[in-house]
Protein backbone atom coordinates (compact mmCIF):
# COMPACT_ATOMS: atom_id res chain seq x y z
CA MET A 1 9.24 -39.67 -129.74
CA SER A 2 12.81 -38.87 -128.89
CA PRO A 3 14.56 -40.49 -125.91
CA ALA A 4 14.72 -37.12 -124.12
CA ALA A 5 10.95 -36.48 -124.70
CA SER A 6 10.28 -40.07 -123.61
CA SER A 7 12.28 -39.56 -120.41
CA LEU A 8 10.61 -36.25 -119.65
CA ALA A 9 7.17 -37.76 -119.99
CA THR A 10 8.05 -40.67 -117.77
CA GLY A 11 9.45 -38.20 -115.18
CA ASP A 12 6.38 -36.07 -115.42
CA PHE A 13 4.17 -39.28 -114.64
CA GLU A 14 6.43 -40.26 -111.73
CA SER A 15 6.33 -36.81 -110.32
CA ALA A 16 2.52 -36.69 -110.61
CA ALA A 17 2.15 -40.11 -108.90
CA GLY A 18 4.37 -38.98 -106.11
CA SER A 19 2.41 -35.79 -105.41
CA LEU A 20 -0.83 -37.90 -105.60
CA ARG A 21 0.52 -40.14 -102.96
CA ALA A 22 1.56 -37.18 -100.84
CA ARG A 23 -1.84 -35.65 -101.15
CA ARG A 24 -3.74 -38.88 -100.23
CA GLY A 25 -1.66 -39.71 -97.20
CA LYS A 26 -1.45 -42.95 -95.32
CA THR A 27 -4.69 -44.84 -94.42
CA VAL A 28 -4.63 -45.70 -90.77
CA ALA A 29 -6.72 -48.00 -88.55
CA PHE A 30 -6.92 -46.33 -85.08
CA ALA A 31 -9.12 -47.32 -82.21
CA PRO A 32 -9.38 -46.84 -78.48
CA LEU A 33 -8.95 -50.03 -76.39
CA PHE A 34 -11.35 -48.85 -73.72
CA ASP A 35 -15.04 -48.00 -73.55
CA SER A 36 -14.98 -44.33 -74.75
CA TYR A 37 -18.41 -43.86 -73.22
CA THR A 38 -17.25 -44.48 -69.62
CA MET A 39 -17.54 -41.24 -67.59
CA LEU A 40 -14.18 -40.31 -65.95
CA LYS A 41 -13.87 -38.46 -62.70
CA VAL A 42 -12.18 -35.23 -61.71
CA ASN A 43 -8.71 -35.68 -60.16
CA GLU A 44 -8.64 -39.52 -60.82
CA SER A 45 -5.68 -40.48 -63.04
CA VAL A 46 -6.45 -42.71 -65.98
CA GLU A 47 -4.27 -44.64 -68.42
CA LEU A 48 -5.85 -44.98 -71.81
CA ARG A 49 -4.67 -47.40 -74.55
CA PHE A 50 -5.09 -47.22 -78.30
CA ARG A 51 -4.22 -49.36 -81.24
CA ALA A 52 -2.76 -47.85 -84.44
CA ARG A 53 -1.97 -49.71 -87.62
CA GLU A 54 -1.59 -49.12 -91.20
CA ALA A 55 -5.07 -50.00 -92.55
CA LEU A 56 -4.10 -51.91 -95.69
CA SER A 57 -1.01 -53.79 -94.61
CA GLY A 58 -1.76 -54.16 -90.80
CA ILE A 59 1.75 -52.87 -90.16
CA PRO A 60 1.88 -51.36 -86.55
CA ILE A 61 2.57 -47.67 -86.43
CA ARG A 62 6.02 -46.96 -84.89
CA PRO A 63 6.32 -44.92 -81.60
CA GLN A 64 8.21 -42.23 -83.24
CA ASP A 65 5.41 -41.73 -85.81
CA ILE A 66 2.55 -41.05 -83.38
CA SER A 67 1.68 -38.14 -80.96
CA PHE A 68 -1.32 -37.46 -78.79
CA SER A 69 -2.82 -34.16 -77.56
CA LEU A 70 -5.61 -33.43 -75.21
CA ARG A 71 -8.12 -30.47 -75.31
CA HIS A 72 -10.69 -29.59 -72.72
CA ALA A 73 -13.95 -28.42 -74.30
CA ALA A 74 -14.25 -27.40 -77.89
CA ASN A 75 -12.27 -24.17 -77.69
CA GLY A 76 -9.82 -25.16 -74.85
CA ARG A 77 -6.07 -25.04 -75.25
CA SER A 78 -4.42 -28.24 -76.62
CA ARG A 79 -1.44 -29.86 -74.90
CA GLU A 80 0.81 -32.75 -75.84
CA LEU A 81 0.54 -35.87 -73.85
CA PRO A 82 3.46 -38.22 -73.27
CA VAL A 83 3.06 -41.47 -75.03
CA LYS A 84 4.16 -44.90 -73.82
CA ALA A 85 4.57 -47.83 -76.42
CA VAL A 86 2.99 -50.85 -74.63
CA ARG A 87 3.65 -53.25 -77.47
CA ARG A 88 3.92 -53.05 -81.25
CA GLY A 89 1.10 -50.77 -82.38
CA VAL A 90 -0.45 -50.32 -78.97
CA PHE A 91 0.09 -46.91 -77.14
CA GLU A 92 -0.85 -45.77 -73.72
CA ILE A 93 -1.47 -42.05 -72.52
CA ALA A 94 -1.97 -41.05 -68.89
CA PHE A 95 -3.67 -37.93 -67.69
CA THR A 96 -5.60 -36.62 -64.74
CA PRO A 97 -8.61 -34.48 -65.54
CA GLU A 98 -8.67 -31.28 -63.59
CA TRP A 99 -12.12 -30.07 -64.56
CA PRO A 100 -15.53 -31.64 -65.42
CA GLY A 101 -16.77 -31.57 -68.94
CA GLN A 102 -15.78 -32.90 -72.50
CA TYR A 103 -12.33 -33.57 -73.41
CA GLN A 104 -10.87 -34.60 -76.83
CA VAL A 105 -7.90 -36.83 -77.35
CA ASN A 106 -6.40 -36.05 -80.74
CA VAL A 107 -3.87 -38.23 -82.53
CA SER A 108 -1.31 -37.31 -85.18
CA ILE A 109 0.34 -40.08 -87.25
CA ARG A 110 3.17 -39.25 -89.53
CA GLY A 111 1.98 -39.66 -93.21
CA ALA A 112 -1.71 -39.48 -92.37
CA LEU A 113 -3.64 -36.43 -93.51
CA PRO A 114 -4.42 -33.95 -90.79
CA GLY A 115 -7.96 -34.49 -89.46
CA SER A 116 -8.31 -37.89 -91.04
CA ILE A 117 -8.40 -39.48 -87.73
CA PRO A 118 -11.38 -38.61 -85.61
CA ALA A 119 -10.82 -37.33 -82.05
CA VAL A 120 -11.78 -39.58 -79.14
CA GLN A 121 -14.32 -37.84 -76.89
CA LEU A 122 -14.08 -38.31 -73.10
CA GLY A 123 -16.65 -37.14 -70.60
CA VAL A 124 -15.43 -36.09 -67.02
CA LEU A 125 -17.72 -35.67 -64.01
CA GLY A 126 -17.15 -33.49 -61.12
CA LEU A 127 -16.59 -34.84 -57.66
CA ALA A 128 -19.46 -36.58 -55.95
CA ASN A 129 -20.17 -33.73 -53.57
CA SER A 130 -19.46 -30.82 -56.01
CA PRO A 131 -22.18 -28.62 -57.42
CA GLU A 132 -20.81 -29.37 -60.99
CA SER A 133 -21.71 -33.05 -60.53
CA ALA A 134 -25.11 -32.44 -59.21
CA ALA A 135 -25.90 -29.90 -62.03
CA ALA A 136 -24.73 -32.59 -64.58
CA PHE A 137 -27.45 -34.91 -63.54
CA GLU A 138 -30.27 -32.34 -62.45
CA THR A 139 -33.46 -32.36 -64.65
CA PRO A 140 -35.34 -29.12 -64.64
CA GLY A 141 -38.67 -29.53 -62.88
CA ALA A 142 -37.75 -33.04 -61.37
CA ARG A 143 -38.20 -33.65 -57.79
CA SER A 144 -35.93 -35.57 -55.40
CA ARG A 145 -37.16 -38.88 -53.98
CA ARG A 146 -36.17 -37.66 -50.60
CA ALA A 147 -38.47 -34.68 -50.77
């Protein structure tokens, strides 16, 4: 094989390996640092913390490489949330739910494939005296103890 052909073959291999890395993306370990089953309340501000690291090396994700967005209900509009780096690899977002229902916190990390990090689901109850709150706990056909 001529040196030019050898160089071309090596270049093709390196190019193929580079595109394979680009397609696979970065493997990330991402986790909420709170009980995601806790029900939040309308109009009560919360600060939620998350840990994000590269899965294989354990290297913390840098603040400039992570962003968070919030969506109310499955088809609601998504909005970006400000992110605060608490310490290396630990991030905090703050928000005040305006409506009862389900919210999704989505995270994007530079280098990770889109959709490879599952959204964190949050439940929000209405105010204690609101019809939304009562409806959330009402069981059809059940009677109140006060009756």
